[in-house]
């Protein structure tokens, strides 16, 4: 399909998709309508003899060329792995093991955060597992269910977005690949990790609060009630999988560890570490030359084999249940896979058919927009869109193809920072949105009222978001200086936590 320079019309598809997503709070239909509007513009511009069929034909032809089958297979197999591990009872066994060894309230909070950091391969798996495992432990030490839900939520998407081996990394890598601006989507993703201030800030805040107990706002009240025995639990619908009573902690650790080890080895293999070219016979060089999507498929397949060999021969899960559970896990990933396909397609419509990057570059370079505010502005836009739609994947799928050419035109040194700001804003909006899947799963996994979780978490998320905004402003001023901007972000985060805790003490004393 030949490209058509549509000028200002080239930005209509993402605008339509974004507007509909904000109005309907439903991202799949919004993305699809945005795609069709773009192919309609293309059909008219190319004088197609049958505009209606031309739009439909172009839509699905483009979709077929843009789908990264490896990523879809990885996400699907990851869903199967998540489900079968839960069926085997490994997470429940870990919870029973932890109850016998965790002796203090602080330790129970730190263990919850640590487990969330360990389960970084998928946010759904994270939310479902951590809640099931740690709720009996935190209940023993009168930790508010709202606090548990906050830790679960803050160690789900924020951890996955900075983990090189995760479903999120695969999705981001595919969006980066669609821009054509990077030789290696894996290296491009890894380069954004230090600049993802929101994810780093969320993780830092969780452990600061676990160690110091500097709670404030509604969460402080929830914790005070919990210490009196009112944990704030609710009869929320359970998303837990029926677990085998024969499972051990190794039924969780070994398959996840196998996935990580296999992923690293597969990345090295696909990058030519054991190949004929000596230029890639080093770890860093092979990763830079690797195919992340293929490597993750191989790794997830290997992890499924490990899980099968661990569970079925021992009778932890019988063969039929293992296969049925695998299918159920695959079904869990269907919404994410649909969003990925549509995000790839609308990216192709804008970039390949309508030449949106050319129009945006000309608009920015001629409009006098200052690069100083670019990372901060992108962070805010990504946060607003993600909060309104409840999905980070759909947000960065729409924004990345637009952000890259803008950053390249204004200040090439800010491309990586701007990409990181896109991912950070998407995670922030998804983190605190009441219609986000992870928000819902976190409250359900913790046994907390969904409304209470949203209300108690929002002030914490906003504090981290403000600190991240400060970091991105400084990054724009310093042209991406990591040390200065990260110190500014974390410094403002700590100052706000201490200040808000002091204000809560003062307000309570005056009451």
Foldseek 3Di string as FASTA:
>chain_A
DAADAQFPQLCQLLVQLLVCCLVVLARLVSLVVSLLSLQLSLCVRVVPVDSVVSSVVVLVVLLVVLDDVLLLLLLLLVLLLLLLLLQLCLLQQLLVVVLVPQDALLSLLVVLLVQLLLPQAALLSQLQRSLNRRLVVNLVHLQALLLQLLSSLLSRLLNNQQDLRYSNVSLQLSLLVLLVPDPGSSVLSNLLNLLLLLSVLSSVVSNVCSVPVLAFDPSVVCSVVSNVPCNQFAPFDAPRDNYFPPHHNCSVVVLSVQLVVQLLVLQLVQLQCVHDDVQSVDSVSSNRSGDNSNSSSRSSVRSLVVSCVVCDVVVSDHPVRSVVSSNVSSVVCVVVSSLSSSLSSSLCSSVRHNNVLVSLLVCLLVVPDALLCQLLVLLQVLQVSLLSNLALSNSCSSCVSNSQSNCVSRPVLCNSSNSSSNSSSNSLSNSLRLPHPSLSSSCNSSSHDSVSSNNSNVVVSVLLSVLSSQLSSVCSVVSRPSVVSSCSSVVSSVVVSNVSSVVRVVVVVVD
